C-alpha atoms as a PDB file:
ATOM      1  CA  MET A   1     166.920 117.134  91.711  1.00  0.00           C
ATOM      2  CA  LYS A   2     167.050 118.195  88.071  1.00  0.00           C
ATOM      3  CA  LYS A   3     165.941 121.750  87.257  1.00  0.00           C
ATOM      4  CA  LEU A   4     165.490 123.739  84.050  1.00  0.00           C
ATOM      5  CA  ASN A   5     165.892 127.513  83.716  1.00  0.00           C
ATOM      6  CA  LEU A   6     163.783 128.102  80.596  1.00  0.00           C
ATOM      7  CA  GLY A   7     164.731 131.159  78.553  1.00  0.00           C
ATOM      8  CA  CYS A   8     167.574 131.847  80.943  1.00  0.00           C
ATOM      9  CA  GLY A   9     169.002 134.877  79.183  1.00  0.00           C
ATOM     10  CA  LYS A  10     172.021 136.116  81.134  1.00  0.00           C
ATOM     11  CA  ASP A  11     170.570 134.730  84.399  1.00  0.00           C
ATOM     12  CA  LEU A  12     172.547 131.478  84.361  1.00  0.00           C
ATOM     13  CA  LYS A  13     171.583 129.556  87.490  1.00  0.00           C
ATOM     14  CA  GLU A  14     173.849 127.114  89.260  1.00  0.00           C
ATOM     15  CA  SER A  15     172.510 123.545  89.479  1.00  0.00           C
ATOM     16  CA  TYR A  16     170.020 124.240  86.642  1.00  0.00           C
ATOM     17  CA  VAL A  17     170.060 123.286  82.997  1.00  0.00           C
ATOM     18  CA  ASN A  18     170.020 126.769  81.483  1.00  0.00           C
ATOM     19  CA  LEU A  19     168.271 126.877  78.097  1.00  0.00           C
ATOM     20  CA  ASP A  20     167.812 129.717  75.611  1.00  0.00           C
ATOM     21  CA  ILE A  21     167.894 130.448  71.874  1.00  0.00           C
ATOM     22  CA  VAL A  22     171.070 132.580  72.224  1.00  0.00           C
ATOM     23  CA  ASP A  23     174.440 131.492  73.600  1.00  0.00           C
ATOM     24  CA  TYR A  24     174.949 133.423  76.828  1.00  0.00           C
ATOM     25  CA  GLY A  25     178.021 131.370  77.751  1.00  0.00           C
ATOM     26  CA  GLY A  26     177.227 128.203  79.657  1.00  0.00           C
ATOM     27  CA  ASN A  27     173.673 127.504  78.530  1.00  0.00           C
ATOM     28  CA  MET A  28     172.155 124.947  76.168  1.00  0.00           C
ATOM     29  CA  ILE A  29     170.973 126.450  72.908  1.00  0.00           C
ATOM     30  CA  HIS A  30     167.518 125.610  71.568  1.00  0.00           C
ATOM     31  CA  ASP A  31     164.706 127.635  69.994  1.00  0.00           C
ATOM     32  CA  ILE A  32     162.023 127.292  72.674  1.00  0.00           C
ATOM     33  CA  ASN A  33     159.348 127.966  70.063  1.00  0.00           C
ATOM     34  CA  SER A  34     160.440 124.714  68.404  1.00  0.00           C
ATOM     35  CA  PHE A  35     158.959 121.459  69.712  1.00  0.00           C
ATOM     36  CA  PRO A  36     159.819 119.022  71.092  1.00  0.00           C
ATOM     37  CA  TYR A  37     162.441 120.346  73.459  1.00  0.00           C
ATOM     38  CA  PRO A  38     165.632 118.253  73.570  1.00  0.00           C
ATOM     39  CA  PHE A  39     164.618 116.371  76.736  1.00  0.00           C
ATOM     40  CA  GLU A  40     162.949 113.066  77.506  1.00  0.00           C
ATOM     41  CA  ASP A  41     159.508 112.855  79.100  1.00  0.00           C
ATOM     42  CA  ASN A  42     159.511 113.448  82.875  1.00  0.00           C
ATOM     43  CA  THR A  43     163.055 114.838  83.010  1.00  0.00           C
ATOM     44  CA  PHE A  44     162.746 117.769  85.414  1.00  0.00           C
ATOM     45  CA  ASP A  45     161.645 118.171  89.015  1.00  0.00           C
ATOM     46  CA  GLU A  46     161.288 121.911  88.447  1.00  0.00           C
ATOM     47  CA  VAL A  47     161.085 124.341  85.548  1.00  0.00           C
ATOM     48  CA  PHE A  48     161.747 128.014  86.265  1.00  0.00           C
ATOM     49  CA  ALA A  49     160.393 130.421  83.630  1.00  0.00           C
ATOM     50  CA  SER A  50     160.974 134.074  84.454  1.00  0.00           C
ATOM     51  CA  HIS A  51     159.838 136.614  81.879  1.00  0.00           C
ATOM     52  CA  VAL A  52     160.029 134.224  78.943  1.00  0.00           C
ATOM     53  CA  LEU A  53     156.544 132.810  78.287  1.00  0.00           C
ATOM     54  CA  GLU A  54     155.181 136.161  77.104  1.00  0.00           C
ATOM     55  CA  HIS A  55     157.749 136.133  74.261  1.00  0.00           C
ATOM     56  CA  LEU A  56     156.688 132.789  72.802  1.00  0.00           C
ATOM     57  CA  ASP A  57     154.440 132.001  69.850  1.00  0.00           C
ATOM     58  CA  SER A  58     151.964 129.565  71.454  1.00  0.00           C
ATOM     59  CA  PHE A  59     150.980 129.376  75.103  1.00  0.00           C
ATOM     60  CA  HIS A  60     149.169 126.064  74.592  1.00  0.00           C
ATOM     61  CA  LYS A  61     152.057 124.354  72.797  1.00  0.00           C
ATOM     62  CA  THR A  62     154.553 125.616  75.382  1.00  0.00           C
ATOM     63  CA  VAL A  63     152.462 124.586  78.390  1.00  0.00           C
ATOM     64  CA  THR A  64     151.889 121.168  76.839  1.00  0.00           C
ATOM     65  CA  GLU A  65     155.617 120.733  76.228  1.00  0.00           C
ATOM     66  CA  LEU A  66     156.543 121.840  79.749  1.00  0.00           C
ATOM     67  CA  TYR A  67     153.986 119.386  81.105  1.00  0.00           C
ATOM     68  CA  ARG A  68     155.664 116.630  79.077  1.00  0.00           C
ATOM     69  CA  ILE A  69     159.176 117.284  80.403  1.00  0.00           C
ATOM     70  CA  ILE A  70     158.268 117.902  84.059  1.00  0.00           C
ATOM     71  CA  LYS A  71     158.011 114.855  86.326  1.00  0.00           C
ATOM     72  CA  PRO A  72     154.741 114.018  88.074  1.00  0.00           C
ATOM     73  CA  ASP A  73     154.415 116.322  91.116  1.00  0.00           C
ATOM     74  CA  GLY A  74     157.200 118.501  89.689  1.00  0.00           C
ATOM     75  CA  LEU A  75     156.952 122.279  89.842  1.00  0.00           C
ATOM     76  CA  LEU A  76     156.531 124.989  87.252  1.00  0.00           C
ATOM     77  CA  ILE A  77     157.522 128.416  88.590  1.00  0.00           C
ATOM     78  CA  VAL A  78     156.425 131.324  86.376  1.00  0.00           C
ATOM     79  CA  TYR A  79     156.983 135.080  86.497  1.00  0.00           C
ATOM     80  CA  VAL A  80     155.350 137.126  83.731  1.00  0.00           C
ATOM     81  CA  PRO A  81     154.448 140.785  83.251  1.00  0.00           C
ATOM     82  CA  PHE A  82     150.801 141.633  83.883  1.00  0.00           C
ATOM     83  CA  PHE A  83     149.137 142.535  80.587  1.00  0.00           C
ATOM     84  CA  LEU A  84     147.904 145.976  81.711  1.00  0.00           C
ATOM     85  CA  ASN A  85     151.314 147.085  82.933  1.00  0.00           C
ATOM     86  CA  THR A  86     153.956 148.864  80.863  1.00  0.00           C
ATOM     87  CA  LYS A  87     156.247 145.886  81.590  1.00  0.00           C
ATOM     88  CA  TYR A  88     154.005 144.033  79.141  1.00  0.00           C
ATOM     89  CA  PHE A  89     152.812 146.497  76.525  1.00  0.00           C
ATOM     90  CA  GLY A  90     155.988 148.581  76.572  1.00  0.00           C
ATOM     91  CA  GLU A  91     158.013 145.692  75.087  1.00  0.00           C
ATOM     92  CA  PRO A  92     157.376 145.113  71.361  1.00  0.00           C
ATOM     93  CA  ASP A  93     158.573 141.475  71.520  1.00  0.00           C
ATOM     94  CA  HIS A  94     155.800 140.441  73.923  1.00  0.00           C
ATOM     95  CA  LYS A  95     153.231 138.257  72.208  1.00  0.00           C
ATOM     96  CA  ILE A  96     151.209 136.569  74.954  1.00  0.00           C
ATOM     97  CA  PRO A  97     149.369 138.662  77.552  1.00  0.00           C
ATOM     98  CA  PHE A  98     149.099 137.207  81.070  1.00  0.00           C
ATOM     99  CA  SER A  99     146.546 137.696  83.786  1.00  0.00           C
ATOM    100  CA  ILE A 100     145.914 136.072  87.156  1.00  0.00           C
ATOM    101  CA  ARG A 101     143.722 133.538  85.318  1.00  0.00           C
ATOM    102  CA  SER A 102     146.115 132.527  82.527  1.00  0.00           C
ATOM    103  CA  PHE A 103     146.500 128.951  83.778  1.00  0.00           C
ATOM    104  CA  ASP A 104     142.797 128.418  84.567  1.00  0.00           C
ATOM    105  CA  ASN A 105     142.301 126.329  81.433  1.00  0.00           C
ATOM    106  CA  TYR A 106     144.950 123.886  82.634  1.00  0.00           C
ATOM    107  CA  GLU A 107     144.045 123.833  86.312  1.00  0.00           C
ATOM    108  CA  TYR A 108     143.535 120.490  87.994  1.00  0.00           C
ATOM    109  CA  ILE A 109     140.414 120.810  90.109  1.00  0.00           C
ATOM    110  CA  GLY A 110     140.384 117.538  92.055  1.00  0.00           C
ATOM    111  CA  ASN A 111     137.798 117.595  94.824  1.00  0.00           C
ATOM    112  CA  ARG A 112     138.129 121.215  95.855  1.00  0.00           C
ATOM    113  CA  LYS A 113     135.085 123.431  96.091  1.00  0.00           C
ATOM    114  CA  LEU A 114     134.849 125.848  93.178  1.00  0.00           C
ATOM    115  CA  LYS A 115     134.052 129.546  93.356  1.00  0.00           C
ATOM    116  CA  PHE A 116     131.224 130.786  91.126  1.00  0.00           C
ATOM    117  CA  TYR A 117     133.502 132.031  88.329  1.00  0.00           C
ATOM    118  CA  GLU A 118     135.560 128.823  88.445  1.00  0.00           C
ATOM    119  CA  LYS A 119     132.435 126.727  87.824  1.00  0.00           C
ATOM    120  CA  TRP A 120     131.633 128.787  84.752  1.00  0.00           C
ATOM    121  CA  LYS A 121     135.238 128.706  83.527  1.00  0.00           C
ATOM    122  CA  LEU A 122     135.437 124.925  83.931  1.00  0.00           C
ATOM    123  CA  ASN A 123     132.688 124.507  81.338  1.00  0.00           C
ATOM    124  CA  HIS A 124     134.344 126.966  78.957  1.00  0.00           C
ATOM    125  CA  ARG A 125     137.947 125.757  78.918  1.00  0.00           C
ATOM    126  CA  THR A 126     140.039 126.620  75.891  1.00  0.00           C
ATOM    127  CA  ASN A 127     142.822 124.097  76.349  1.00  0.00           C
ATOM    128  CA  TYR A 128     142.010 122.217  73.133  1.00  0.00           C
ATOM    129  CA  GLU A 129     141.211 119.134  75.222  1.00  0.00           C
ATOM    130  CA  GLY A 130     144.908 118.906  76.068  1.00  0.00           C
ATOM    131  CA  LYS A 131     146.282 116.599  78.756  1.00  0.00           C
ATOM    132  CA  ALA A 132     148.329 119.199  80.619  1.00  0.00           C
ATOM    133  CA  GLN A 133     147.041 119.695  84.165  1.00  0.00           C
ATOM    134  CA  PHE A 134     148.518 121.718  86.978  1.00  0.00           C
ATOM    135  CA  GLU A 135     147.471 122.154  90.567  1.00  0.00           C
ATOM    136  CA  VAL A 136     147.755 125.857  91.320  1.00  0.00           C
ATOM    137  CA  LEU A 137     149.741 126.011  94.555  1.00  0.00           C
ATOM    138  CA  GLU A 138     150.035 129.768  94.422  1.00  0.00           C
ATOM    139  CA  LYS A 139     149.126 132.616  92.112  1.00  0.00           C
ATOM    140  CA  ARG A 140     149.538 136.227  93.039  1.00  0.00           C
ATOM    141  CA  PHE A 141     150.180 139.696  91.807  1.00  0.00           C
ATOM    142  CA  ILE A 142     153.477 141.438  92.404  1.00  0.00           C
ATOM    143  CA  THR A 143     152.722 145.136  92.699  1.00  0.00           C
ATOM    144  CA  SER A 144     156.257 146.366  92.296  1.00  0.00           C
ATOM    145  CA  HIS A 145     159.855 145.612  93.169  1.00  0.00           C
ATOM    146  CA  PHE A 146     160.075 149.180  94.425  1.00  0.00           C
ATOM    147  CA  ALA A 147     160.145 148.732  98.222  1.00  0.00           C
ATOM    148  CA  PRO A 148     157.693 151.527  99.149  1.00  0.00           C
ATOM    149  CA  LEU A 149     154.974 149.842  97.015  1.00  0.00           C
ATOM    150  CA  LYS A 150     155.455 146.196  98.063  1.00  0.00           C
ATOM    151  CA  TRP A 151     152.985 146.520 100.954  1.00  0.00           C
ATOM    152  CA  MET A 152     150.195 146.798  98.376  1.00  0.00           C
ATOM    153  CA  ASP A 153     150.682 143.155  97.349  1.00  0.00           C
ATOM    154  CA  PHE A 154     148.653 142.093 100.380  1.00  0.00           C
ATOM    155  CA  PHE A 155     145.564 144.026  99.291  1.00  0.00           C
ATOM    156  CA  LEU A 156     145.725 143.085  95.615  1.00  0.00           C
ATOM    157  CA  ASN A 157     145.980 139.415  96.535  1.00  0.00           C
ATOM    158  CA  LEU A 158     143.084 139.240  98.999  1.00  0.00           C
ATOM    159  CA  GLU A 159     140.888 138.301  96.035  1.00  0.00           C
ATOM    160  CA  PRO A 160     143.097 138.659  92.937  1.00  0.00           C
ATOM    161  CA  VAL A 161     140.481 137.666  90.344  1.00  0.00           C
ATOM    162  CA  MET A 162     138.086 140.335  91.620  1.00  0.00           C
ATOM    163  CA  TYR A 163     140.907 142.869  91.841  1.00  0.00           C
ATOM    164  CA  GLU A 164     141.891 142.151  88.245  1.00  0.00           C
ATOM    165  CA  ARG A 165     138.288 142.411  87.044  1.00  0.00           C
ATOM    166  CA  PHE A 166     137.385 145.677  88.754  1.00  0.00           C
ATOM    167  CA  CYS A 167     140.533 147.576  89.785  1.00  0.00           C
ATOM    168  CA  ALA A 168     143.553 146.544  87.705  1.00  0.00           C
ATOM    169  CA  GLY A 169     142.804 149.178  85.066  1.00  0.00           C
ATOM    170  CA  ILE A 170     143.195 151.862  87.718  1.00  0.00           C
ATOM    171  CA  PHE A 171     146.296 150.505  89.449  1.00  0.00           C
ATOM    172  CA  SER A 172     147.958 147.656  87.596  1.00  0.00           C
ATOM    173  CA  PRO A 173     150.409 145.280  89.224  1.00  0.00           C
ATOM    174  CA  GLU A 174     153.752 144.738  87.465  1.00  0.00           C
ATOM    175  CA  GLU A 175     153.857 140.957  87.424  1.00  0.00           C
ATOM    176  CA  VAL A 176     151.946 137.756  87.962  1.00  0.00           C
ATOM    177  CA  TYR A 177     153.578 134.842  89.792  1.00  0.00           C
ATOM    178  CA  PHE A 178     152.468 131.217  89.514  1.00  0.00           C
ATOM    179  CA  LYS A 179     153.649 128.140  91.391  1.00  0.00           C
ATOM    180  CA  LEU A 180     152.120 125.071  89.758  1.00  0.00           C
ATOM    181  CA  ARG A 181     152.394 121.352  90.495  1.00  0.00           C
ATOM    182  CA  VAL A 182     152.225 118.932  87.563  1.00  0.00           C
ATOM    183  CA  VAL A 183     149.412 116.397  87.881  1.00  0.00           C
ATOM    184  CA  LYS A 184     149.802 113.252  85.788  1.00  0.00           C
ATOM    185  CA  GLN A 185     149.677 109.519  86.045  1.00  0.00           C
ATOM    186  CA  ILE A 186     152.690 107.438  85.032  1.00  0.00           C
ATOM    187  CA  LYS A 187     151.644 104.255  83.278  1.00  0.00           C
END
């Protein structure tokens, strides 16, 4: 199983290809704003991207490139700061804000029944007619890594889109987590 730790920073993971723009000692060096990445199509079974996507120049270009290098049915694991939290707006290098719906434009629908807002969103996609499609296996808010607040995750994630729309400005979660499966046909 081949795995990529995208934008690894100092978190060099064993059994992963660790990739970043800076040499942290043991990682591959590549500017991840520069495409294509130095990998063949369908190289990885999993890409792990923790607190890196918000630093990049183009969400669409990055998602499209990750789609290219992940194998069919491979996983994309993403942790990003929620855009209303100080973890996002307190860092001047953050360029791309993330919400619970950030991957909606790339979501593979299949035959599942859509909620009312998903039907509307499907007709208003802004993915530039790109090929990248992901089945959303999981998406959730992470309230805090501070143990006394973790219990709140349950309530925020009962209906995360509604929570984000009506309550996130009052009590914002720290992070958004996505677990996505790549959907593509190999010819």
